Amino acid sequence: MAKLIDLRSDTVTKPSPEMRKAMYEAEVGDDVYKEDPTVNKLQEYVAELFGKEASLFVPSGVMANQISLKVLTSPADEIICEKDAHIFHYESGSPAALSGVQLYPVAGENGIMNAEQIEDAIRPKEAYYMPRTKVIEIENTHNRAGGVIQPLKNITEIRKLADKYKLKMHLDGARIWNASVATGIPIKEYASYFDSVSACFSKGLGAPVGSIIVGSKDFIKEAFRVRKAWGGGMRQVGILAAAALFAVKNNIERLKEDHEKARQLARAMSEMKNIEVNLETVQTNIIIFKITKIKAGTFSKKLAEKGVLISPTGKNTLRAVTHLDVSYSDIYSAIEKIEEVQK
């Protein structure tokens, strides 16, 4: 039976034998008592990597974002984000449900808001009848924009704006590793502009579970309390933390391969008659493309029958994501099958 080529997401990766070995051998303790040595080691390592005082291991990226937003806000506050942000589309309305806050989505260009747009969205403090602007949230890389990287210059300008209005900043850095590898900008540099950062181990880095929150000691102390309140307190979780620690120590630099595979796939598709791809947005491991002849659902179904899985994202748009379980040979095979189906 031919291998199934799964390009739906970089979350579909399986732990490597080396990662499984690290999990098997992990020293564990009760993390609710802060006694799991492997979790503590992971948190210390990541805090240092991000240049922050402390960090907190959590089960998922959604929990990482939502705990951060909870700690940074009070009920009836407002968070400014880009209109295609993950926290707006893919987190089940959690800002409202869990923190009693609302989102103000701003229409950026390819997922990128500028400081002028954000300033226009900030509520006047004297307007007691409006929600209070409290947080500016940025996603790097930007998922729905196709893995686009937020320009550092833009981030610095937004930080100046946040300081001017005494606002907090949160980075949804689920794929911050990809941004750093693609640009050469250290993760610590990106993180320095934000009060809180979330990052994911179970996407391109290949761990089976887990995300991290980084920030000040006081911030993480409160995040620890919220994690417990929301059912995220875990016991002998060093088994999972070992996978995350292995991932962050071994799988960051290899993301360059995923980026190259994505460019190869995107370039090939851009030359196909019935597919449209904006190559300028293919900056990391995500490709958003449009199929012009048939509906996206029909296209993905026919492609699945040939052994290639790709996710529809709209009526005529789809997403392909490269990752460590997709080889160069798989990319060549996927190109052939996409060519056959798009005709």
C-alpha atoms as a PDB file:
ATOM      1  CA  MET A   1       0.000   0.000   0.000  1.00  0.00           C
ATOM      2  CA  ALA A   2       1.341   3.414  -0.992  1.00  0.00           C
ATOM      3  CA  LYS A   3       2.282   5.839   1.780  1.00  0.00           C
ATOM      4  CA  LEU A   4      -0.358   8.401   2.717  1.00  0.00           C
ATOM      5  CA  ILE A   5       1.056  11.901   2.282  1.00  0.00           C
ATOM      6  CA  ASP A   6      -0.568  14.058   4.955  1.00  0.00           C
ATOM      7  CA  LEU A   7      -0.269  17.781   4.214  1.00  0.00           C
ATOM      8  CA  ARG A   8      -3.270  18.867   6.289  1.00  0.00           C
ATOM      9  CA  SER A   9      -1.197  20.262   9.150  1.00  0.00           C
ATOM     10  CA  ASP A  10       2.146  20.076  10.929  1.00  0.00           C
ATOM     11  CA  THR A  11       0.216  18.757  13.948  1.00  0.00           C
ATOM     12  CA  VAL A  12      -0.077  15.289  12.401  1.00  0.00           C
ATOM     13  CA  THR A  13       3.565  14.365  13.037  1.00  0.00           C
ATOM     14  CA  LYS A  14       4.456  11.241  15.012  1.00  0.00           C
ATOM     15  CA  PRO A  15       7.198  11.114  17.673  1.00  0.00           C
ATOM     16  CA  SER A  16      10.493   9.814  16.324  1.00  0.00           C
ATOM     17  CA  PRO A  17      12.152   6.744  17.924  1.00  0.00           C
ATOM     18  CA  GLU A  18      14.649   9.069  19.629  1.00  0.00           C
ATOM     19  CA  MET A  19      11.836  11.190  21.042  1.00  0.00           C
ATOM     20  CA  ARG A  20       9.983   8.098  22.260  1.00  0.00           C
ATOM     21  CA  LYS A  21      13.181   6.952  23.999  1.00  0.00           C
ATOM     22  CA  ALA A  22      13.445  10.327  25.769  1.00  0.00           C
ATOM     23  CA  MET A  23       9.821   9.971  26.886  1.00  0.00           C
ATOM     24  CA  TYR A  24      10.381   6.430  28.149  1.00  0.00           C
ATOM     25  CA  GLU A  25      13.424   7.429  30.162  1.00  0.00           C
ATOM     26  CA  ALA A  26      11.967  10.677  31.556  1.00  0.00           C
ATOM     27  CA  GLU A  27      12.340  11.299  35.272  1.00  0.00           C
ATOM     28  CA  VAL A  28       8.934  12.335  36.636  1.00  0.00           C
ATOM     29  CA  GLY A  29       7.232  13.781  39.704  1.00  0.00           C
ATOM     30  CA  ASP A  30       3.997  15.572  40.578  1.00  0.00           C
ATOM     31  CA  ASP A  31       3.913  18.773  38.541  1.00  0.00           C
ATOM     32  CA  VAL A  32       0.991  20.256  40.497  1.00  0.00           C
ATOM     33  CA  TYR A  33       3.451  20.301  43.414  1.00  0.00           C
ATOM     34  CA  LYS A  34       6.073  21.622  40.958  1.00  0.00           C
ATOM     35  CA  GLU A  35       8.073  18.452  41.605  1.00  0.00           C
ATOM     36  CA  ASP A  36       8.407  17.025  38.108  1.00  0.00           C
ATOM     37  CA  PRO A  37      12.115  17.463  37.290  1.00  0.00           C
ATOM     38  CA  THR A  38      11.663  17.083  33.544  1.00  0.00           C
ATOM     39  CA  VAL A  39       8.920  19.723  33.425  1.00  0.00           C
ATOM     40  CA  ASN A  40      11.063  22.051  35.520  1.00  0.00           C
ATOM     41  CA  LYS A  41      14.013  21.488  33.213  1.00  0.00           C
ATOM     42  CA  LEU A  42      11.862  22.230  30.151  1.00  0.00           C
ATOM     43  CA  GLN A  43      10.452  25.402  31.679  1.00  0.00           C
ATOM     44  CA  GLU A  44      13.887  26.684  32.693  1.00  0.00           C
ATOM     45  CA  TYR A  45      15.327  25.902  29.259  1.00  0.00           C
ATOM     46  CA  VAL A  46      12.526  27.626  27.346  1.00  0.00           C
ATOM     47  CA  ALA A  47      12.467  30.672  29.634  1.00  0.00           C
ATOM     48  CA  GLU A  48      16.165  31.156  28.925  1.00  0.00           C
ATOM     49  CA  LEU A  49      15.672  30.597  25.189  1.00  0.00           C
ATOM     50  CA  PHE A  50      12.990  33.309  25.116  1.00  0.00           C
ATOM     51  CA  GLY A  51      14.864  35.677  27.426  1.00  0.00           C
ATOM     52  CA  LYS A  52      12.046  35.715  29.983  1.00  0.00           C
ATOM     53  CA  GLU A  53      12.011  35.125  33.735  1.00  0.00           C
ATOM     54  CA  ALA A  54       9.784  32.058  33.736  1.00  0.00           C
ATOM     55  CA  SER A  55       7.604  29.732  31.691  1.00  0.00           C
ATOM     56  CA  LEU A  56       4.730  27.288  32.152  1.00  0.00           C
ATOM     57  CA  PHE A  57       4.069  24.009  30.323  1.00  0.00           C
ATOM     58  CA  VAL A  58       0.427  23.567  29.245  1.00  0.00           C
ATOM     59  CA  PRO A  59      -1.450  20.906  27.249  1.00  0.00           C
ATOM     60  CA  SER A  60      -2.353  22.959  24.164  1.00  0.00           C
ATOM     61  CA  GLY A  61      -1.844  26.136  22.176  1.00  0.00           C
ATOM     62  CA  VAL A  62      -5.397  27.284  22.814  1.00  0.00           C
ATOM     63  CA  MET A  63      -4.881  26.958  26.559  1.00  0.00           C
ATOM     64  CA  ALA A  64      -1.574  28.837  26.280  1.00  0.00           C
ATOM     65  CA  ASN A  65      -3.215  31.746  24.461  1.00  0.00           C
ATOM     66  CA  GLN A  66      -6.304  31.843  26.634  1.00  0.00           C
ATOM     67  CA  ILE A  67      -4.445  31.695  29.959  1.00  0.00           C
ATOM     68  CA  SER A  68      -2.237  34.540  28.751  1.00  0.00           C
ATOM     69  CA  LEU A  69      -5.206  36.678  27.738  1.00  0.00           C
ATOM     70  CA  LYS A  70      -6.966  35.912  31.028  1.00  0.00           C
ATOM     71  CA  VAL A  71      -3.980  37.079  33.065  1.00  0.00           C
ATOM     72  CA  LEU A  72      -3.533  40.246  30.998  1.00  0.00           C
ATOM     73  CA  THR A  73      -7.174  41.391  31.088  1.00  0.00           C
ATOM     74  CA  SER A  74     -10.239  41.979  33.226  1.00  0.00           C
ATOM     75  CA  PRO A  75     -13.864  41.364  32.202  1.00  0.00           C
ATOM     76  CA  ALA A  76     -15.224  43.954  29.714  1.00  0.00           C
ATOM     77  CA  ASP A  77     -11.743  44.654  28.329  1.00  0.00           C
ATOM     78  CA  GLU A  78     -10.959  44.451  24.613  1.00  0.00           C
ATOM     79  CA  ILE A  79      -8.137  42.790  22.703  1.00  0.00           C
ATOM     80  CA  ILE A  80      -7.014  44.100  19.311  1.00  0.00           C
ATOM     81  CA  CYS A  81      -6.034  41.340  16.875  1.00  0.00           C
ATOM     82  CA  GLU A  82      -5.772  40.803  13.136  1.00  0.00           C
ATOM     83  CA  LYS A  83      -9.026  39.715  11.467  1.00  0.00           C
ATOM     84  CA  ASP A  84      -7.661  36.259  10.559  1.00  0.00           C
ATOM     85  CA  ALA A  85      -6.027  35.639  13.935  1.00  0.00           C
ATOM     86  CA  HIS A  86      -6.153  32.149  15.409  1.00  0.00           C
ATOM     87  CA  ILE A  87      -7.674  33.475  18.646  1.00  0.00           C
ATOM     88  CA  PHE A  88     -10.537  34.954  16.603  1.00  0.00           C
ATOM     89  CA  HIS A  89     -11.298  32.008  14.298  1.00  0.00           C
ATOM     90  CA  TYR A  90     -10.128  28.804  15.944  1.00  0.00           C
ATOM     91  CA  GLU A  91     -10.422  29.055  19.729  1.00  0.00           C
ATOM     92  CA  SER A  92     -14.159  28.470  20.151  1.00  0.00           C
ATOM     93  CA  GLY A  93     -15.046  31.966  21.361  1.00  0.00           C
ATOM     94  CA  SER A  94     -12.901  31.401  24.451  1.00  0.00           C
ATOM     95  CA  PRO A  95     -11.947  35.043  25.113  1.00  0.00           C
ATOM     96  CA  ALA A  96     -15.621  35.806  25.733  1.00  0.00           C
ATOM     97  CA  ALA A  97     -16.482  32.525  27.436  1.00  0.00           C
ATOM     98  CA  LEU A  98     -13.462  32.269  29.732  1.00  0.00           C
ATOM     99  CA  SER A  99     -12.329  35.843  30.326  1.00  0.00           C
ATOM    100  CA  GLY A 100     -15.365  38.003  29.561  1.00  0.00           C
ATOM    101  CA  VAL A 101     -13.454  40.035  26.985  1.00  0.00           C
ATOM    102  CA  GLN A 102     -14.140  40.838  23.361  1.00  0.00           C
ATOM    103  CA  LEU A 103     -11.906  40.961  20.304  1.00  0.00           C
ATOM    104  CA  TYR A 104     -11.512  43.895  17.930  1.00  0.00           C
ATOM    105  CA  PRO A 105     -10.372  42.371  14.608  1.00  0.00           C
ATOM    106  CA  VAL A 106      -8.358  44.660  12.326  1.00  0.00           C
ATOM    107  CA  ALA A 107      -7.990  43.941   8.606  1.00  0.00           C
ATOM    108  CA  GLY A 108      -4.266  43.620   8.006  1.00  0.00           C
ATOM    109  CA  GLU A 109      -2.501  42.822   4.742  1.00  0.00           C
ATOM    110  CA  ASN A 110      -1.502  39.161   4.558  1.00  0.00           C
ATOM    111  CA  GLY A 111      -2.057  38.922   8.298  1.00  0.00           C
ATOM    112  CA  ILE A 112       0.031  41.974   9.149  1.00  0.00           C
ATOM    113  CA  MET A 113      -1.485  44.955  10.983  1.00  0.00           C
ATOM    114  CA  ASN A 114       0.435  48.218  11.127  1.00  0.00           C
ATOM    115  CA  ALA A 115       0.681  50.631  14.037  1.00  0.00           C
ATOM    116  CA  GLU A 116      -1.562  53.213  12.383  1.00  0.00           C
ATOM    117  CA  GLN A 117      -4.396  50.691  11.990  1.00  0.00           C
ATOM    118  CA  ILE A 118      -4.032  49.592  15.578  1.00  0.00           C
ATOM    119  CA  GLU A 119      -4.001  53.150  16.906  1.00  0.00           C
ATOM    120  CA  ASP A 120      -7.290  53.792  15.113  1.00  0.00           C
ATOM    121  CA  ALA A 121      -8.775  50.796  16.958  1.00  0.00           C
ATOM    122  CA  ILE A 122      -7.711  51.861  20.461  1.00  0.00           C
ATOM    123  CA  ARG A 123     -10.712  53.009  22.478  1.00  0.00           C
ATOM    124  CA  PRO A 124     -10.545  56.487  24.064  1.00  0.00           C
ATOM    125  CA  LYS A 125     -10.083  56.163  27.824  1.00  0.00           C
ATOM    126  CA  GLU A 126     -12.694  58.834  28.537  1.00  0.00           C
ATOM    127  CA  ALA A 127     -15.371  56.833  26.665  1.00  0.00           C
ATOM    128  CA  TYR A 128     -16.869  55.025  29.662  1.00  0.00           C
ATOM    129  CA  TYR A 129     -19.537  53.526  27.388  1.00  0.00           C
ATOM    130  CA  MET A 130     -16.944  51.610  25.356  1.00  0.00           C
ATOM    131  CA  PRO A 131     -14.891  48.547  26.266  1.00  0.00           C
ATOM    132  CA  ARG A 132     -11.386  49.211  27.538  1.00  0.00           C
ATOM    133  CA  THR A 133      -8.550  48.411  25.152  1.00  0.00           C
ATOM    134  CA  LYS A 134      -6.085  46.333  27.141  1.00  0.00           C
ATOM    135  CA  VAL A 135      -4.052  44.028  24.864  1.00  0.00           C
ATOM    136  CA  ILE A 136      -2.614  43.996  21.342  1.00  0.00           C
ATOM    137  CA  GLU A 137      -2.255  40.425  20.075  1.00  0.00           C
ATOM    138  CA  ILE A 138       0.011  39.421  17.179  1.00  0.00           C
ATOM    139  CA  GLU A 139       0.425  36.003  15.540  1.00  0.00           C
ATOM    140  CA  ASN A 140       3.851  35.002  14.232  1.00  0.00           C
ATOM    141  CA  THR A 141       3.908  33.151  11.923  1.00  0.00           C
ATOM    142  CA  HIS A 142       0.380  33.897  10.758  1.00  0.00           C
ATOM    143  CA  ASN A 143      -1.540  30.699  10.044  1.00  0.00           C
ATOM    144  CA  ARG A 144      -4.436  31.872   7.855  1.00  0.00           C
ATOM    145  CA  ALA A 145      -2.161  34.215   5.913  1.00  0.00           C
ATOM    146  CA  GLY A 146      -0.071  31.220   4.868  1.00  0.00           C
ATOM    147  CA  GLY A 147       2.746  31.169   7.413  1.00  0.00           C
ATOM    148  CA  VAL A 148       3.657  34.811   6.822  1.00  0.00           C
ATOM    149  CA  ILE A 149       6.314  36.263   9.118  1.00  0.00           C
ATOM    150  CA  GLN A 150       5.616  39.465  11.029  1.00  0.00           C
ATOM    151  CA  PRO A 151       8.329  42.023  10.117  1.00  0.00           C
ATOM    152  CA  LEU A 152      10.421  42.927  13.153  1.00  0.00           C
ATOM    153  CA  LYS A 153      10.251  46.633  12.294  1.00  0.00           C
ATOM    154  CA  ASN A 154       6.474  46.429  12.415  1.00  0.00           C
ATOM    155  CA  ILE A 155       6.581  44.705  15.800  1.00  0.00           C
ATOM    156  CA  THR A 156       8.864  47.386  17.247  1.00  0.00           C
ATOM    157  CA  GLU A 157       6.538  50.142  16.041  1.00  0.00           C
ATOM    158  CA  ILE A 158       3.548  48.390  17.609  1.00  0.00           C
ATOM    159  CA  ARG A 159       5.468  48.018  20.888  1.00  0.00           C
ATOM    160  CA  LYS A 160       6.106  51.772  20.938  1.00  0.00           C
ATOM    161  CA  LEU A 161       2.394  52.320  20.371  1.00  0.00           C
ATOM    162  CA  ALA A 162       1.533  49.910  23.201  1.00  0.00           C
ATOM    163  CA  ASP A 163       3.869  51.757  25.548  1.00  0.00           C
ATOM    164  CA  LYS A 164       2.336  55.096  24.546  1.00  0.00           C
ATOM    165  CA  TYR A 165      -1.143  53.888  25.499  1.00  0.00           C
ATOM    166  CA  LYS A 166       0.016  51.653  28.387  1.00  0.00           C
ATOM    167  CA  LEU A 167      -1.241  48.486  26.705  1.00  0.00           C
ATOM    168  CA  LYS A 168      -0.002  44.908  27.055  1.00  0.00           C
ATOM    169  CA  MET A 169       1.149  42.771  24.133  1.00  0.00           C
ATOM    170  CA  HIS A 170       0.682  39.036  23.630  1.00  0.00           C
ATOM    171  CA  LEU A 171       2.413  36.967  20.957  1.00  0.00           C
ATOM    172  CA  ASP A 172       0.699  33.879  19.632  1.00  0.00           C
ATOM    173  CA  GLY A 173       4.003  32.290  18.715  1.00  0.00           C
ATOM    174  CA  ALA A 174       2.696  28.812  17.973  1.00  0.00           C
ATOM    175  CA  ARG A 175       5.145  28.752  15.049  1.00  0.00           C
ATOM    176  CA  ILE A 176       7.658  31.347  16.311  1.00  0.00           C
ATOM    177  CA  TRP A 177      10.340  28.716  15.734  1.00  0.00           C
ATOM    178  CA  ASN A 178       9.610  28.887  11.987  1.00  0.00           C
ATOM    179  CA  ALA A 179       9.849  32.685  11.971  1.00  0.00           C
ATOM    180  CA  SER A 180      13.192  32.614  13.761  1.00  0.00           C
ATOM    181  CA  VAL A 181      14.705  29.952  11.510  1.00  0.00           C
ATOM    182  CA  ALA A 182      13.508  31.682   8.331  1.00  0.00           C
ATOM    183  CA  THR A 183      14.785  35.153   9.294  1.00  0.00           C
ATOM    184  CA  GLY A 184      17.768  34.369  11.507  1.00  0.00           C
ATOM    185  CA  ILE A 185      16.259  36.620  14.189  1.00  0.00           C
ATOM    186  CA  PRO A 186      16.704  34.978  17.616  1.00  0.00           C
ATOM    187  CA  ILE A 187      13.562  33.886  19.422  1.00  0.00           C
ATOM    188  CA  LYS A 188      14.744  36.010  22.350  1.00  0.00           C
ATOM    189  CA  GLU A 189      14.626  39.112  20.139  1.00  0.00           C
ATOM    190  CA  TYR A 190      11.061  38.436  19.013  1.00  0.00           C
ATOM    191  CA  ALA A 191       9.927  37.704  22.575  1.00  0.00           C
ATOM    192  CA  SER A 192      11.478  40.869  24.012  1.00  0.00           C
ATOM    193  CA  TYR A 193       8.649  43.044  22.659  1.00  0.00           C
ATOM    194  CA  PHE A 194       5.853  41.084  24.333  1.00  0.00           C
ATOM    195  CA  ASP A 195       4.509  40.782  27.866  1.00  0.00           C
ATOM    196  CA  SER A 196       3.510  37.183  27.216  1.00  0.00           C
ATOM    197  CA  VAL A 197       4.308  34.621  24.541  1.00  0.00           C
ATOM    198  CA  SER A 198       2.788  31.246  23.712  1.00  0.00           C
ATOM    199  CA  ALA A 199       4.680  28.680  21.645  1.00  0.00           C
ATOM    200  CA  CYS A 200       3.791  25.181  20.467  1.00  0.00           C
ATOM    201  CA  PHE A 201       5.832  21.974  20.597  1.00  0.00           C
ATOM    202  CA  SER A 202       3.330  19.776  18.735  1.00  0.00           C
ATOM    203  CA  LYS A 203       3.463  21.459  15.326  1.00  0.00           C
ATOM    204  CA  GLY A 204       6.690  21.662  13.333  1.00  0.00           C
ATOM    205  CA  LEU A 205       8.847  20.520  16.243  1.00  0.00           C
ATOM    206  CA  GLY A 206       7.132  17.140  16.214  1.00  0.00           C
ATOM    207  CA  ALA A 207       6.191  16.590  19.868  1.00  0.00           C
ATOM    208  CA  PRO A 208       2.908  14.732  20.475  1.00  0.00           C
ATOM    209  CA  VAL A 209       1.469  17.218  22.988  1.00  0.00           C
ATOM    210  CA  GLY A 210       2.161  20.562  24.572  1.00  0.00           C
ATOM    211  CA  SER A 211       2.682  24.289  24.449  1.00  0.00           C
ATOM    212  CA  ILE A 212       4.470  26.785  26.654  1.00  0.00           C
ATOM    213  CA  ILE A 213       3.727  30.240  28.064  1.00  0.00           C
ATOM    214  CA  VAL A 214       6.620  32.590  28.837  1.00  0.00           C
ATOM    215  CA  GLY A 215       6.667  35.872  30.729  1.00  0.00           C
ATOM    216  CA  SER A 216       7.679  37.489  34.011  1.00  0.00           C
ATOM    217  CA  LYS A 217       7.729  35.549  37.281  1.00  0.00           C
ATOM    218  CA  ASP A 218       4.619  37.361  38.486  1.00  0.00           C
ATOM    219  CA  PHE A 219       2.828  36.673  35.213  1.00  0.00           C
ATOM    220  CA  ILE A 220       3.657  32.960  35.294  1.00  0.00           C
ATOM    221  CA  LYS A 221       2.646  32.727  38.962  1.00  0.00           C
ATOM    222  CA  GLU A 222      -0.840  33.923  38.024  1.00  0.00           C
ATOM    223  CA  ALA A 223      -0.850  31.752  34.879  1.00  0.00           C
ATOM    224  CA  PHE A 224      -0.118  28.721  37.083  1.00  0.00           C
ATOM    225  CA  ARG A 225      -3.214  29.521  39.168  1.00  0.00           C
ATOM    226  CA  VAL A 226      -5.410  29.914  36.064  1.00  0.00           C
ATOM    227  CA  ARG A 227      -4.072  26.691  34.560  1.00  0.00           C
ATOM    228  CA  LYS A 228      -5.148  24.826  37.695  1.00  0.00           C
ATOM    229  CA  ALA A 229      -8.571  26.510  37.698  1.00  0.00           C
ATOM    230  CA  TRP A 230      -9.151  25.472  34.092  1.00  0.00           C
ATOM    231  CA  GLY A 231      -8.218  21.842  34.636  1.00  0.00           C
ATOM    232  CA  GLY A 232      -4.726  22.060  33.195  1.00  0.00           C
ATOM    233  CA  GLY A 233      -2.869  20.929  36.295  1.00  0.00           C
ATOM    234  CA  MET A 234      -1.067  17.701  35.390  1.00  0.00           C
ATOM    235  CA  ARG A 235       0.751  15.150  37.517  1.00  0.00           C
ATOM    236  CA  GLN A 236       3.631  12.987  36.229  1.00  0.00           C
ATOM    237  CA  VAL A 237       3.715  14.951  33.001  1.00  0.00           C
ATOM    238  CA  GLY A 238       7.472  14.740  32.550  1.00  0.00           C
ATOM    239  CA  ILE A 239       6.764  11.988  30.015  1.00  0.00           C
ATOM    240  CA  LEU A 240       5.295  14.662  27.736  1.00  0.00           C
ATOM    241  CA  ALA A 241       7.722  17.393  28.771  1.00  0.00           C
ATOM    242  CA  ALA A 242      10.584  15.096  27.738  1.00  0.00           C
ATOM    243  CA  ALA A 243       9.197  15.009  24.202  1.00  0.00           C
ATOM    244  CA  ALA A 244       8.904  18.804  24.175  1.00  0.00           C
ATOM    245  CA  LEU A 245      12.435  19.217  25.515  1.00  0.00           C
ATOM    246  CA  PHE A 246      13.792  16.822  22.894  1.00  0.00           C
ATOM    247  CA  ALA A 247      11.870  18.718  20.216  1.00  0.00           C
ATOM    248  CA  VAL A 248      13.144  22.145  21.168  1.00  0.00           C
ATOM    249  CA  LYS A 249      16.731  20.930  21.485  1.00  0.00           C
ATOM    250  CA  ASN A 250      16.818  18.913  18.255  1.00  0.00           C
ATOM    251  CA  ASN A 251      14.132  19.979  15.797  1.00  0.00           C
ATOM    252  CA  ILE A 252      14.277  23.763  15.451  1.00  0.00           C
ATOM    253  CA  GLU A 253      17.027  24.115  12.843  1.00  0.00           C
ATOM    254  CA  ARG A 254      15.595  21.319  10.698  1.00  0.00           C
ATOM    255  CA  LEU A 255      12.529  23.512  10.077  1.00  0.00           C
ATOM    256  CA  LYS A 256      14.573  24.949   7.202  1.00  0.00           C
ATOM    257  CA  GLU A 257      13.835  21.707   5.334  1.00  0.00           C
ATOM    258  CA  ASP A 258      10.098  22.179   5.790  1.00  0.00           C
ATOM    259  CA  HIS A 259      10.358  25.692   4.398  1.00  0.00           C
ATOM    260  CA  GLU A 260      12.246  24.470   1.345  1.00  0.00           C
ATOM    261  CA  LYS A 261       9.721  21.692   0.753  1.00  0.00           C
ATOM    262  CA  ALA A 262       6.896  24.225   0.937  1.00  0.00           C
ATOM    263  CA  ARG A 263       8.621  26.468  -1.604  1.00  0.00           C
ATOM    264  CA  GLN A 264       9.158  23.536  -3.971  1.00  0.00           C
ATOM    265  CA  LEU A 265       5.515  22.534  -3.713  1.00  0.00           C
ATOM    266  CA  ALA A 266       4.259  26.104  -4.074  1.00  0.00           C
ATOM    267  CA  ARG A 267       6.438  26.842  -7.102  1.00  0.00           C
ATOM    268  CA  ALA A 268       5.215  23.693  -8.826  1.00  0.00           C
ATOM    269  CA  MET A 269       1.561  24.461  -8.101  1.00  0.00           C
ATOM    270  CA  SER A 270       1.953  28.063  -9.277  1.00  0.00           C
ATOM    271  CA  GLU A 271       2.762  26.702 -12.736  1.00  0.00           C
ATOM    272  CA  MET A 272      -0.403  24.596 -12.901  1.00  0.00           C
ATOM    273  CA  LYS A 273      -3.271  25.842 -15.036  1.00  0.00           C
ATOM    274  CA  ASN A 274      -6.073  25.732 -12.470  1.00  0.00           C
ATOM    275  CA  ILE A 275      -4.206  26.674  -9.288  1.00  0.00           C
ATOM    276  CA  GLU A 276      -3.317  30.138  -8.014  1.00  0.00           C
ATOM    277  CA  VAL A 277      -0.599  30.661  -5.383  1.00  0.00           C
ATOM    278  CA  ASN A 278       0.809  33.935  -4.060  1.00  0.00           C
ATOM    279  CA  LEU A 279       4.458  32.912  -3.761  1.00  0.00           C
ATOM    280  CA  GLU A 280       5.262  36.043  -1.729  1.00  0.00           C
ATOM    281  CA  THR A 281       3.303  34.612   1.180  1.00  0.00           C
ATOM    282  CA  VAL A 282       5.066  31.239   1.124  1.00  0.00           C
ATOM    283  CA  GLN A 283       7.687  32.252   3.674  1.00  0.00           C
ATOM    284  CA  THR A 284       7.730  29.215   5.956  1.00  0.00           C
ATOM    285  CA  ASN A 285       5.931  25.844   5.855  1.00  0.00           C
ATOM    286  CA  ILE A 286       2.337  26.794   4.969  1.00  0.00           C
ATOM    287  CA  ILE A 287       0.817  27.237   1.512  1.00  0.00           C
ATOM    288  CA  ILE A 288      -2.603  28.802   0.986  1.00  0.00           C
ATOM    289  CA  PHE A 289      -3.763  28.302  -2.599  1.00  0.00           C
ATOM    290  CA  LYS A 290      -6.857  28.664  -4.746  1.00  0.00           C
ATOM    291  CA  ILE A 291      -8.324  26.049  -7.069  1.00  0.00           C
ATOM    292  CA  THR A 292     -10.194  27.671  -9.963  1.00  0.00           C
ATOM    293  CA  LYS A 293     -11.839  24.762 -11.802  1.00  0.00           C
ATOM    294  CA  ILE A 294     -13.623  22.807  -9.044  1.00  0.00           C
ATOM    295  CA  LYS A 295     -14.662  23.400  -5.461  1.00  0.00           C
ATOM    296  CA  ALA A 296     -12.038  22.985  -2.766  1.00  0.00           C
ATOM    297  CA  GLY A 297     -13.959  20.166  -1.078  1.00  0.00           C
ATOM    298  CA  THR A 298     -14.200  18.192  -4.308  1.00  0.00           C
ATOM    299  CA  PHE A 299     -10.521  18.782  -5.052  1.00  0.00           C
ATOM    300  CA  SER A 300      -9.397  17.602  -1.606  1.00  0.00           C
ATOM    301  CA  LYS A 301     -11.627  14.527  -1.801  1.00  0.00           C
ATOM    302  CA  LYS A 302     -10.244  13.483  -5.205  1.00  0.00           C
ATOM    303  CA  LEU A 303      -6.708  14.122  -3.987  1.00  0.00           C
ATOM    304  CA  ALA A 304      -7.324  11.996  -0.874  1.00  0.00           C
ATOM    305  CA  GLU A 305      -8.358   9.129  -3.143  1.00  0.00           C
ATOM    306  CA  LYS A 306      -4.857   9.338  -4.621  1.00  0.00           C
ATOM    307  CA  GLY A 307      -3.227   9.314  -1.171  1.00  0.00           C
ATOM    308  CA  VAL A 308      -2.612  13.023  -0.558  1.00  0.00           C
ATOM    309  CA  LEU A 309      -4.437  14.859   2.234  1.00  0.00           C
ATOM    310  CA  ILE A 310      -4.913  18.645   2.028  1.00  0.00           C
ATOM    311  CA  SER A 311      -7.337  20.823   4.026  1.00  0.00           C
ATOM    312  CA  PRO A 312     -10.007  23.000   2.393  1.00  0.00           C
ATOM    313  CA  THR A 313     -10.124  26.441   4.046  1.00  0.00           C
ATOM    314  CA  GLY A 314     -12.926  27.969   1.987  1.00  0.00           C
ATOM    315  CA  LYS A 315     -15.101  27.417  -1.053  1.00  0.00           C
ATOM    316  CA  ASN A 316     -12.138  27.593  -3.428  1.00  0.00           C
ATOM    317  CA  THR A 317      -9.133  27.792  -1.104  1.00  0.00           C
ATOM    318  CA  LEU A 318      -7.001  25.106   0.493  1.00  0.00           C
ATOM    319  CA  ARG A 319      -4.015  24.801   2.808  1.00  0.00           C
ATOM    320  CA  ALA A 320      -0.988  22.541   2.527  1.00  0.00           C
ATOM    321  CA  VAL A 321       1.545  22.296   5.351  1.00  0.00           C
ATOM    322  CA  THR A 322       4.947  20.629   5.211  1.00  0.00           C
ATOM    323  CA  HIS A 323       6.508  18.954   8.245  1.00  0.00           C
ATOM    324  CA  LEU A 324       9.115  16.430   9.390  1.00  0.00           C
ATOM    325  CA  ASP A 325       7.020  13.401   8.382  1.00  0.00           C
ATOM    326  CA  VAL A 326       6.856  14.566   4.751  1.00  0.00           C
ATOM    327  CA  SER A 327       9.997  13.788   2.752  1.00  0.00           C
ATOM    328  CA  TYR A 328      11.270  15.424  -0.424  1.00  0.00           C
ATOM    329  CA  SER A 329      10.164  12.276  -2.238  1.00  0.00           C
ATOM    330  CA  ASP A 330       6.669  12.789  -0.817  1.00  0.00           C
ATOM    331  CA  ILE A 331       6.649  16.341  -2.145  1.00  0.00           C
ATOM    332  CA  TYR A 332       7.550  15.160  -5.651  1.00  0.00           C
ATOM    333  CA  SER A 333       4.808  12.536  -5.475  1.00  0.00           C
ATOM    334  CA  ALA A 334       2.282  15.079  -4.164  1.00  0.00           C
ATOM    335  CA  ILE A 335       3.115  17.448  -7.026  1.00  0.00           C
ATOM    336  CA  GLU A 336       2.376  14.713  -9.574  1.00  0.00           C
ATOM    337  CA  LYS A 337      -0.949  13.843  -7.978  1.00  0.00           C
ATOM    338  CA  ILE A 338      -2.025  17.484  -7.564  1.00  0.00           C
ATOM    339  CA  GLU A 339      -1.197  18.014 -11.238  1.00  0.00           C
ATOM    340  CA  GLU A 340      -3.439  15.087 -12.180  1.00  0.00           C
ATOM    341  CA  VAL A 341      -6.401  16.216 -10.055  1.00  0.00           C
ATOM    342  CA  GLN A 342      -6.351  19.922 -10.924  1.00  0.00           C
ATOM    343  CA  LYS A 343      -6.721  19.322 -14.680  1.00  0.00           C
END
